[in-house]
Amino acid sequence: MGSSASKSSKKAVLKTATSNQYPKQQMKVLAMGQHIVSVQLQQQQQQQQQQQQHNSAMQQQPASAPPQAQDKKHHELSDDEIKKRLDRYIETDKAIREWEGKNLPKAVQAKRAQLADINETLKTLEQQYRAACEKVAKEKADVDKMQNPSVKAFFKDQQEFDEKMSKEQEEYLEAVSEQEVVKKQLDGIQTQAKALEREANDASANMNTLMSLYDEQDQILDDIFSGHYGSDLENQLEEEVDNLLDRKERIGVAKYKWANGRLLLQHACNQLAFAVGRWQTLAQVPMSSIQIKYQLATETRNNLIAASQNIMSAKRYLNNIKFPYCETEEMATLDRACSNIYIDMQSPDRHQHALQCYSVTHRRCAALLQWFDTVINNTIEKDLAKAKAELGPKQAQLRKERLRLMQEKIEAGGGQLNINDK
C-alpha cells in the first residue's frame, strides 16, 4: 500500500487517458511501461548491490554507538492517529470517485487542444477580415471612380455605362456581404475562444484538485502502512483498478471526440440544407433582379463554406479514422464548386449541375451523421458502460481490502475500530 507506487500508477493512468485510440494504443503504452519497469528493476538491483557493499564495509569498522535505523522514514502511529487518518481516507476516497466520474483528464486535454485549434481559426479569420475590409475599400473606390464625369465620358452610350456601373455596384455589394459574414464569424469565434478558455482553466483547476486528493490519500496510506503494501491482494487490486480506470478514460476520450464530431456534422447538415434551399430559390429569380441573385448566391456560398469547415473540423477530431462519406477529396470538389458559384448562377445548365453537387453532399453528410450515431450508440456507449461496470466493483473491493487492513492493524494493537463506509 505504498504511496509512491499508488501515486505513480494513478498519475500514469491520468497521463495515458488522453491517448487518441482504444484499445490499440493500450498495447503500446503497456509495452512502454514494461520497458520502463525493466530499466527500473536493473537500477534497483545495482543500487542494492552497492548498498550491500557499503553495509559490508560499515560492518568491518568498530562500532562506537548502538546502530541507528538510518533508512527508517516512518514512525508507528497510535490508534487515535490511525483512526483520524482512516476517517480522512474514507472522505478522500469518496471525493476521488466523484471526480473520476467526470473524466477530468479527457476534459483538460480535449479542451486545451480545442482551444489551440480555435485560436488558429481566430488568426485565420482575422486575416480574412482584414482582406475583406481591403476588398470593400477597393470596390467602393471603383464605384466612386465610375461616378467621375471623365470616366463616364469614356463610354460610348448610357447603356454601356449603366451595365458597367451595375457590375461595379454588384461587386461592391458582394464585398460588403463577405465582410459582414466574416465579421460575424470572427465575433462568434472570439466569444467561443473566451468561453472555452474559461472552461479549460476550470477543468485544469478541477484536475489539480483531483491530483491533490490522490497525493493526500497516498500520504495517508504511506503513514499507516509505513510505505508498504498491506497485502498481496491490495497490491493486485490496485493494479487492476488502475488498468480499468485507464481503459475507462480512453473510451471517455473517444466518446468526447466522436460526440463533438457529431455536433459539427449536425451543423454541417443544417447548413447544407439551407444552402440547397437558397440555391433552388435563386433559380426562380428573374435575371433582371441581379442583385437578389447575387445575394442568394452569396448566402448559398457562405453556408457551403461553413458546412465544409465543420465537416473538416469533425475530420480533425478523428484524424486516424477514415470516413465512409465526405472524405477530403469530396470536400475539395465542394470547395471548387463554391469558387464558381457566381458563374454557375448565370446559366440554367450550370445551376442544375451545381445543385446536384450540393444536394449529393447534403445527402452524404446526413449519411455520415447516421454512421456517427451508429458508432457512438452501438460501440462506444456499450464499451463505456462495460468499462464502468467492471471498474466500480473492483474499486469497491480495493476500498474494502484497505479498510480491512486498517482495522486489522488497529485491532492487532488491542484497539477497537468501527468502520462506517457508506
Protein backbone atom coordinates (compact mmCIF):
# COMPACT_ATOMS: atom_id res chain seq x y z
CA MET A 1 0.00 0.00 0.00
CA GLY A 2 2.99 2.25 -0.59
CA SER A 3 2.17 5.80 -1.51
CA SER A 4 4.84 6.10 -4.18
CA ALA A 5 3.57 3.11 -6.09
CA SER A 6 -0.02 4.22 -5.75
CA LYS A 7 0.73 7.78 -6.77
CA SER A 8 2.80 6.87 -9.82
CA SER A 9 0.26 4.37 -11.05
CA LYS A 10 -2.63 6.81 -10.76
CA LYS A 11 -0.72 9.62 -12.46
CA ALA A 12 0.24 7.22 -15.23
CA VAL A 13 -3.44 6.47 -15.72
CA LEU A 14 -4.24 10.17 -15.93
CA LYS A 15 -1.46 10.74 -18.45
CA THR A 16 -2.29 7.86 -20.76
CA ALA A 17 -6.02 8.61 -20.56
CA THR A 18 -5.53 11.34 -23.15
CA SER A 19 -4.44 8.91 -25.88
CA ASN A 20 -6.37 9.02 -29.15
CA GLN A 21 -7.27 5.36 -29.54
CA TYR A 22 -8.55 2.41 -27.62
CA PRO A 23 -7.75 -0.41 -27.17
CA LYS A 24 -4.86 -0.48 -29.72
CA GLN A 25 -3.00 2.31 -28.02
CA GLN A 26 -3.10 0.45 -24.74
CA MET A 27 -0.76 -2.21 -26.12
CA LYS A 28 1.83 0.44 -26.94
CA VAL A 29 1.52 2.02 -23.53
CA LEU A 30 1.81 -1.32 -21.77
CA ALA A 31 4.87 -2.23 -23.82
CA MET A 32 6.49 1.08 -22.94
CA GLY A 33 5.58 0.52 -19.32
CA GLN A 34 7.21 -2.90 -19.32
CA HIS A 35 10.41 -1.40 -20.72
CA ILE A 36 10.45 1.28 -18.03
CA VAL A 37 9.83 -1.29 -15.32
CA SER A 38 12.69 -3.41 -16.67
CA VAL A 39 15.08 -0.47 -16.54
CA GLN A 40 13.91 0.44 -13.05
CA LEU A 41 14.45 -3.13 -11.85
CA GLN A 42 18.01 -3.11 -13.21
CA GLN A 43 18.68 0.19 -11.46
CA GLN A 44 17.23 -1.15 -8.22
CA GLN A 45 19.41 -4.27 -8.42
CA GLN A 46 22.52 -2.13 -8.94
CA GLN A 47 21.55 0.09 -6.01
CA GLN A 48 21.00 -2.97 -3.80
CA GLN A 49 24.45 -4.36 -4.72
CA GLN A 50 26.05 -1.01 -3.92
CA GLN A 51 24.18 -0.85 -0.62
CA GLN A 52 25.29 -4.37 0.30
CA GLN A 53 28.92 -3.47 -0.41
CA HIS A 54 28.54 -0.33 1.69
CA ASN A 55 26.98 -2.28 4.57
CA SER A 56 29.82 -4.83 4.48
CA ALA A 57 32.38 -2.03 4.73
CA MET A 58 30.50 -0.47 7.62
CA GLN A 59 30.33 -3.78 9.49
CA GLN A 60 34.13 -4.08 9.35
CA GLN A 61 34.54 -0.76 11.23
CA PRO A 62 34.46 -0.65 15.07
CA ALA A 63 31.04 0.10 16.45
CA SER A 64 31.17 3.30 18.51
CA ALA A 65 27.45 3.56 19.20
CA PRO A 66 24.30 1.46 19.02
CA PRO A 67 23.22 1.09 15.40
CA GLN A 68 20.58 3.55 14.24
CA ALA A 69 17.92 2.75 11.69
CA GLN A 70 19.18 5.34 9.22
CA ASP A 71 16.73 4.46 6.48
CA LYS A 72 13.61 4.50 8.63
CA LYS A 73 11.39 7.34 7.47
CA HIS A 74 8.20 6.39 9.25
CA HIS A 75 7.11 6.15 12.85
CA GLU A 76 4.40 3.96 14.26
CA LEU A 77 1.07 5.76 14.64
CA SER A 78 -1.13 5.50 17.68
CA ASP A 79 -4.61 4.03 17.37
CA ASP A 80 -6.16 7.50 17.58
CA GLU A 81 -3.89 8.77 14.80
CA ILE A 82 -4.78 5.81 12.62
CA LYS A 83 -8.49 6.36 13.25
CA LYS A 84 -8.21 10.02 12.25
CA ARG A 85 -6.39 9.09 9.08
CA LEU A 86 -8.92 6.38 8.38
CA ASP A 87 -11.79 8.87 8.57
CA ARG A 88 -9.96 11.20 6.24
CA TYR A 89 -9.14 8.32 3.89
CA ILE A 90 -12.84 7.50 3.54
CA GLU A 91 -13.63 11.15 2.81
CA THR A 92 -10.91 11.49 0.17
CA ASP A 93 -11.85 8.18 -1.42
CA LYS A 94 -15.44 9.30 -1.92
CA ALA A 95 -14.29 12.64 -3.33
CA ILE A 96 -11.87 10.89 -5.70
CA ARG A 97 -14.62 8.63 -7.01
CA GLU A 98 -16.81 11.65 -7.72
CA TRP A 99 -14.04 13.47 -9.59
CA GLU A 100 -13.05 10.36 -11.54
CA GLY A 101 -16.64 10.06 -12.74
CA LYS A 102 -16.22 13.41 -14.52
CA ASN A 103 -13.41 12.08 -16.72
CA LEU A 104 -11.20 15.06 -15.98
CA PRO A 105 -8.10 14.01 -17.97
CA LYS A 106 -10.23 13.93 -21.10
CA ALA A 107 -11.73 17.31 -20.34
CA VAL A 108 -8.39 19.02 -19.78
CA GLN A 109 -6.63 17.52 -22.78
CA ALA A 110 -9.52 17.95 -25.18
CA LYS A 111 -10.37 21.50 -24.18
CA ARG A 112 -6.76 22.62 -24.45
CA ALA A 113 -6.49 21.05 -27.90
CA GLN A 114 -9.79 22.58 -28.94
CA LEU A 115 -8.68 25.98 -27.63
CA ALA A 116 -5.47 25.77 -29.66
CA ASP A 117 -7.49 24.91 -32.77
CA ILE A 118 -9.90 27.81 -32.16
CA ASN A 119 -7.01 30.23 -31.70
CA GLU A 120 -5.59 29.14 -35.06
CA THR A 121 -9.02 29.63 -36.62
CA LEU A 122 -9.21 33.04 -34.97
CA LYS A 123 -5.93 34.09 -36.58
CA THR A 124 -7.17 32.92 -39.97
CA LEU A 125 -10.46 34.79 -39.62
CA GLU A 126 -8.65 37.95 -38.56
CA GLN A 127 -6.58 37.75 -41.74
CA GLN A 128 -9.71 37.10 -43.79
CA TYR A 129 -11.48 40.06 -42.20
CA ARG A 130 -8.58 42.39 -42.97
CA ALA A 131 -8.60 41.15 -46.56
CA ALA A 132 -12.39 41.62 -46.73
CA CYS A 133 -12.07 45.20 -45.47
CA GLU A 134 -9.42 45.93 -48.09
CA LYS A 135 -11.67 44.43 -50.77
CA VAL A 136 -14.62 46.59 -49.67
CA ALA A 137 -12.43 49.70 -49.83
CA LYS A 138 -11.24 48.76 -53.33
CA GLU A 139 -14.74 48.03 -54.64
CA LYS A 140 -16.07 51.26 -53.11
CA ALA A 141 -13.28 53.19 -54.82
CA ASP A 142 -14.23 51.57 -58.15
CA VAL A 143 -17.86 52.65 -57.74
CA ASP A 144 -16.83 56.18 -56.80
CA LYS A 145 -14.50 56.30 -59.79
CA MET A 146 -17.35 55.39 -62.13
CA GLN A 147 -19.24 58.47 -60.99
CA ASN A 148 -16.43 60.72 -62.16
CA PRO A 149 -17.61 62.66 -65.27
CA SER A 150 -14.35 61.98 -67.10
CA VAL A 151 -14.83 58.22 -66.67
CA LYS A 152 -18.48 58.41 -67.72
CA ALA A 153 -17.48 60.21 -70.89
CA PHE A 154 -15.27 57.25 -71.81
CA PHE A 155 -18.31 55.05 -72.59
CA LYS A 156 -19.97 55.30 -75.96
CA ASP A 157 -23.51 55.39 -74.61
CA GLN A 158 -25.57 55.37 -71.44
CA GLN A 159 -26.43 51.67 -71.71
CA GLU A 160 -22.80 50.60 -71.72
CA PHE A 161 -22.13 52.89 -68.76
CA ASP A 162 -25.13 51.53 -66.83
CA GLU A 163 -24.02 47.95 -67.40
CA LYS A 164 -20.53 48.71 -66.14
CA MET A 165 -21.87 50.67 -63.16
CA SER A 166 -24.27 47.83 -62.32
CA LYS A 167 -21.40 45.35 -62.38
CA GLU A 168 -19.24 47.53 -60.13
CA GLN A 169 -22.11 48.03 -57.68
CA GLU A 170 -22.78 44.29 -57.59
CA GLU A 171 -19.13 43.59 -56.83
CA TYR A 172 -19.21 46.22 -54.10
CA LEU A 173 -22.35 44.72 -52.55
CA GLU A 174 -20.78 41.27 -52.74
CA ALA A 175 -17.67 42.53 -50.97
CA VAL A 176 -19.78 44.16 -48.25
CA SER A 177 -21.72 40.91 -47.81
CA GLU A 178 -18.48 38.92 -47.49
CA GLN A 179 -17.17 41.43 -44.97
CA GLU A 180 -20.33 41.13 -42.86
CA VAL A 181 -20.20 37.33 -42.91
CA VAL A 182 -16.55 37.21 -41.89
CA LYS A 183 -17.18 39.79 -39.15
CA LYS A 184 -20.00 37.67 -37.72
CA GLN A 185 -17.80 34.57 -37.87
CA LEU A 186 -14.97 36.48 -36.20
CA ASP A 187 -17.22 37.77 -33.42
CA GLY A 188 -18.59 34.29 -32.87
CA ILE A 189 -15.19 32.61 -32.72
CA GLN A 190 -13.90 35.26 -30.31
CA THR A 191 -16.83 34.53 -27.99
CA GLN A 192 -16.17 30.80 -28.28
CA ALA A 193 -12.47 31.26 -27.56
CA LYS A 194 -13.15 33.23 -24.38
CA ALA A 195 -15.74 30.74 -23.15
CA LEU A 196 -13.53 27.76 -23.95
CA GLU A 197 -10.55 29.33 -22.21
CA ARG A 198 -12.64 29.70 -19.05
CA GLU A 199 -13.78 26.09 -19.37
CA ALA A 200 -10.21 24.87 -19.89
CA ASN A 201 -8.98 26.80 -16.85
CA ASP A 202 -11.83 25.40 -14.74
CA ALA A 203 -11.06 21.87 -15.94
CA SER A 204 -7.37 22.34 -15.10
CA ALA A 205 -8.28 23.59 -11.62
CA ASN A 206 -10.51 20.55 -11.10
CA MET A 207 -7.70 18.31 -12.31
CA ASN A 208 -5.35 19.88 -9.77
CA THR A 209 -7.94 19.20 -7.08
CA LEU A 210 -8.09 15.54 -8.07
CA MET A 211 -4.30 15.24 -8.07
CA SER A 212 -4.17 16.82 -4.61
CA LEU A 213 -6.68 14.26 -3.38
CA TYR A 214 -4.55 11.47 -4.84
CA ASP A 215 -1.49 12.87 -3.08
CA GLU A 216 -3.33 13.18 0.22
CA GLN A 217 -4.73 9.66 0.01
CA ASP A 218 -1.31 8.25 -0.84
CA GLN A 219 0.20 10.06 2.14
CA ILE A 220 -2.45 8.61 4.44
CA LEU A 221 -1.70 5.09 3.24
CA ASP A 222 2.02 5.78 3.49
CA ASP A 223 1.66 6.93 7.10
CA ILE A 224 -0.46 3.98 8.18
CA PHE A 225 1.48 1.22 6.46
CA SER A 226 4.98 2.73 6.53
CA GLY A 227 5.35 2.84 2.76
CA HIS A 228 4.50 -0.83 2.16
CA TYR A 229 1.54 -2.63 0.67
CA GLY A 230 -0.80 -4.01 3.27
CA SER A 231 -1.27 -7.31 1.44
CA ASP A 232 -0.67 -9.01 -1.87
CA LEU A 233 -4.39 -8.76 -2.57
CA GLU A 234 -4.33 -4.98 -2.05
CA ASN A 235 -1.39 -4.71 -4.43
CA GLN A 236 -3.16 -6.82 -7.04
CA LEU A 237 -6.45 -4.94 -6.72
CA GLU A 238 -4.75 -1.57 -7.07
CA GLU A 239 -3.09 -2.69 -10.30
CA GLU A 240 -6.40 -3.97 -11.65
CA VAL A 241 -8.18 -0.73 -10.72
CA ASP A 242 -5.50 1.34 -12.44
CA ASN A 243 -5.82 -0.72 -15.63
CA LEU A 244 -9.62 -0.50 -15.63
CA LEU A 245 -9.54 3.22 -14.92
CA ASP A 246 -7.07 3.65 -17.77
CA ARG A 247 -9.45 1.88 -20.15
CA LYS A 248 -12.46 3.89 -19.00
CA GLU A 249 -10.59 7.15 -19.53
CA ARG A 250 -9.51 6.07 -23.02
CA ILE A 251 -13.07 5.29 -24.02
CA GLY A 252 -14.14 8.59 -22.47
CA VAL A 253 -11.69 10.41 -24.74
CA ALA A 254 -13.10 8.57 -27.75
CA LYS A 255 -16.67 9.42 -26.76
CA TYR A 256 -15.79 13.09 -26.37
CA LYS A 257 -14.20 13.28 -29.80
CA TRP A 258 -16.96 11.39 -31.57
CA ALA A 259 -19.67 13.39 -29.80
CA ASN A 260 -18.04 16.69 -30.76
CA GLY A 261 -17.54 15.47 -34.30
CA ARG A 262 -21.21 14.54 -34.44
CA LEU A 263 -22.23 18.01 -33.28
CA LEU A 264 -20.16 19.58 -36.06
CA LEU A 265 -21.73 17.26 -38.62
CA GLN A 266 -25.19 18.20 -37.38
CA HIS A 267 -24.36 21.86 -38.00
CA ALA A 268 -22.95 20.98 -41.42
CA CYS A 269 -26.13 19.12 -42.41
CA ASN A 270 -28.27 22.09 -41.43
CA GLN A 271 -26.02 24.48 -43.36
CA LEU A 272 -26.05 22.28 -46.45
CA ALA A 273 -29.84 22.00 -46.31
CA PHE A 274 -30.11 25.79 -46.08
CA ALA A 275 -27.67 26.23 -48.96
CA VAL A 276 -29.62 23.83 -51.19
CA GLY A 277 -32.85 25.67 -50.40
CA ARG A 278 -31.30 29.06 -51.19
CA TRP A 279 -29.85 27.75 -54.44
CA GLN A 280 -33.23 26.38 -55.52
CA THR A 281 -34.85 29.75 -54.71
CA LEU A 282 -32.24 31.51 -56.83
CA ALA A 283 -33.42 29.62 -59.94
CA GLN A 284 -36.86 31.22 -59.59
CA VAL A 285 -35.49 34.79 -59.55
CA PRO A 286 -35.54 36.53 -62.98
CA MET A 287 -32.26 37.70 -64.45
CA SER A 288 -33.45 41.28 -64.19
CA SER A 289 -33.19 41.01 -60.38
CA ILE A 290 -29.45 40.52 -60.48
CA GLN A 291 -28.86 41.96 -57.01
CA ILE A 292 -31.22 39.41 -55.44
CA LYS A 293 -29.48 36.64 -57.36
CA TYR A 294 -26.10 37.74 -56.06
CA GLN A 295 -27.46 37.90 -52.54
CA LEU A 296 -28.89 34.38 -52.73
CA ALA A 297 -25.70 33.07 -54.31
CA THR A 298 -23.62 34.67 -51.57
CA GLU A 299 -25.81 33.14 -48.85
CA THR A 300 -25.53 29.77 -50.56
CA ARG A 301 -21.76 30.05 -50.83
CA ASN A 302 -21.29 31.17 -47.23
CA ASN A 303 -23.30 28.23 -45.89
CA LEU A 304 -21.47 25.78 -48.14
CA ILE A 305 -18.13 27.08 -46.89
CA ALA A 306 -19.27 26.88 -43.27
CA ALA A 307 -20.52 23.32 -43.80
CA SER A 308 -17.22 22.33 -45.40
CA GLN A 309 -15.30 23.81 -42.47
CA ASN A 310 -17.45 21.93 -39.96
CA ILE A 311 -17.00 18.63 -41.77
CA MET A 312 -13.24 19.11 -41.93
CA SER A 313 -13.19 20.05 -38.23
CA ALA A 314 -15.00 16.79 -37.46
CA LYS A 315 -12.36 15.03 -39.52
CA ARG A 316 -9.59 16.67 -37.47
CA TYR A 317 -11.19 15.37 -34.27
CA LEU A 318 -10.80 11.83 -35.66
CA ASN A 319 -7.84 12.15 -38.00
CA ASN A 320 -7.00 8.45 -37.64
CA ILE A 321 -10.46 7.36 -38.82
CA LYS A 322 -11.42 7.02 -42.48
CA PHE A 323 -14.93 8.35 -43.04
CA PRO A 324 -17.27 6.37 -45.33
CA TYR A 325 -18.56 9.68 -46.74
CA CYS A 326 -17.36 13.28 -47.13
CA GLU A 327 -13.67 12.49 -47.23
CA THR A 328 -11.11 15.12 -48.18
CA GLU A 329 -11.46 14.55 -51.94
CA GLU A 330 -15.22 15.10 -51.82
CA MET A 331 -14.85 18.29 -49.82
CA ALA A 332 -12.28 19.58 -52.32
CA THR A 333 -14.93 19.13 -55.04
CA LEU A 334 -17.40 21.16 -52.99
CA ASP A 335 -14.83 23.90 -52.45
CA ARG A 336 -14.22 24.15 -56.19
CA ALA A 337 -17.96 24.44 -56.77
CA CYS A 338 -18.10 27.29 -54.26
CA SER A 339 -15.45 29.22 -56.16
CA ASN A 340 -17.57 29.03 -59.36
CA ILE A 341 -20.91 29.85 -57.79
CA TYR A 342 -21.31 33.31 -59.37
CA ILE A 343 -20.69 31.81 -62.80
CA ASP A 344 -22.99 28.85 -62.15
CA MET A 345 -25.88 31.14 -61.21
CA GLN A 346 -25.98 32.71 -64.69
CA SER A 347 -26.64 29.52 -66.65
CA PRO A 348 -29.57 27.08 -66.08
CA ASP A 349 -27.40 24.10 -67.01
CA ARG A 350 -24.55 25.10 -64.72
CA HIS A 351 -27.06 25.95 -61.99
CA GLN A 352 -28.58 22.47 -62.20
CA HIS A 353 -25.15 20.82 -62.18
CA ALA A 354 -24.15 22.80 -59.09
CA LEU A 355 -27.46 21.93 -57.41
CA GLN A 356 -26.73 18.24 -57.92
CA CYS A 357 -23.29 18.68 -56.32
CA TYR A 358 -24.73 20.48 -53.29
CA SER A 359 -27.61 18.00 -52.88
CA VAL A 360 -25.34 14.96 -53.09
CA THR A 361 -23.02 16.45 -50.48
CA HIS A 362 -26.01 17.12 -48.23
CA ARG A 363 -27.24 13.53 -48.51
CA ARG A 364 -23.79 12.10 -47.88
CA CYS A 365 -23.31 14.36 -44.87
CA ALA A 366 -26.62 13.10 -43.47
CA ALA A 367 -25.46 9.52 -44.05
CA LEU A 368 -22.18 10.31 -42.28
CA LEU A 369 -24.12 11.71 -39.34
CA GLN A 370 -26.14 8.50 -39.17
CA TRP A 371 -22.91 6.48 -39.23
CA PHE A 372 -21.61 8.54 -36.31
CA ASP A 373 -24.78 7.75 -34.36
CA THR A 374 -24.31 4.05 -35.03
CA VAL A 375 -20.68 4.05 -33.86
CA ILE A 376 -21.45 6.11 -30.74
CA ASN A 377 -24.56 4.18 -29.68
CA ASN A 378 -23.61 0.64 -30.71
CA THR A 379 -19.90 0.64 -29.90
CA ILE A 380 -18.59 3.48 -27.76
CA GLU A 381 -21.53 3.74 -25.34
CA LYS A 382 -21.57 -0.03 -24.85
CA ASP A 383 -17.82 -0.18 -24.30
CA LEU A 384 -18.02 2.69 -21.82
CA ALA A 385 -20.87 1.08 -19.91
CA LYS A 386 -18.91 -2.17 -19.74
CA ALA A 387 -15.78 -0.38 -18.53
CA LYS A 388 -17.74 1.40 -15.80
CA ALA A 389 -19.44 -1.83 -14.78
CA GLU A 390 -16.07 -3.56 -14.39
CA LEU A 391 -14.37 -0.64 -12.66
CA GLY A 392 -16.97 0.03 -9.95
CA PRO A 393 -16.91 -3.37 -8.22
CA LYS A 394 -13.13 -3.56 -8.43
CA GLN A 395 -12.80 -0.15 -6.77
CA ALA A 396 -15.17 -1.34 -4.06
CA GLN A 397 -13.03 -4.45 -3.49
CA LEU A 398 -9.88 -2.35 -3.20
CA ARG A 399 -11.54 0.03 -0.77
CA LYS A 400 -12.87 -2.88 1.29
CA GLU A 401 -9.45 -4.55 1.44
CA ARG A 402 -7.72 -1.36 2.55
CA LEU A 403 -10.27 -0.69 5.25
CA ARG A 404 -9.94 -4.29 6.42
CA LEU A 405 -6.18 -3.90 6.69
CA MET A 406 -6.56 -0.69 8.67
CA GLN A 407 -8.99 -2.34 11.05
CA GLU A 408 -6.70 -5.33 11.38
CA LYS A 409 -3.75 -3.10 12.21
CA ILE A 410 -5.62 -1.31 15.00
CA GLU A 411 -7.11 -4.46 16.48
CA ALA A 412 -3.67 -6.09 16.47
CA GLY A 413 -2.61 -3.38 18.90
CA GLY A 414 -5.57 -4.06 21.15
CA GLY A 415 -7.73 -1.21 19.82
CA GLN A 416 -11.28 -1.17 18.59
CA LEU A 417 -12.43 0.24 15.23
CA ASN A 418 -15.91 0.51 13.75
CA ILE A 419 -15.82 1.48 10.07
CA ASN A 420 -18.75 3.34 8.54
CA ASP A 421 -18.11 3.41 4.80
CA LYS A 422 -21.35 4.40 3.12
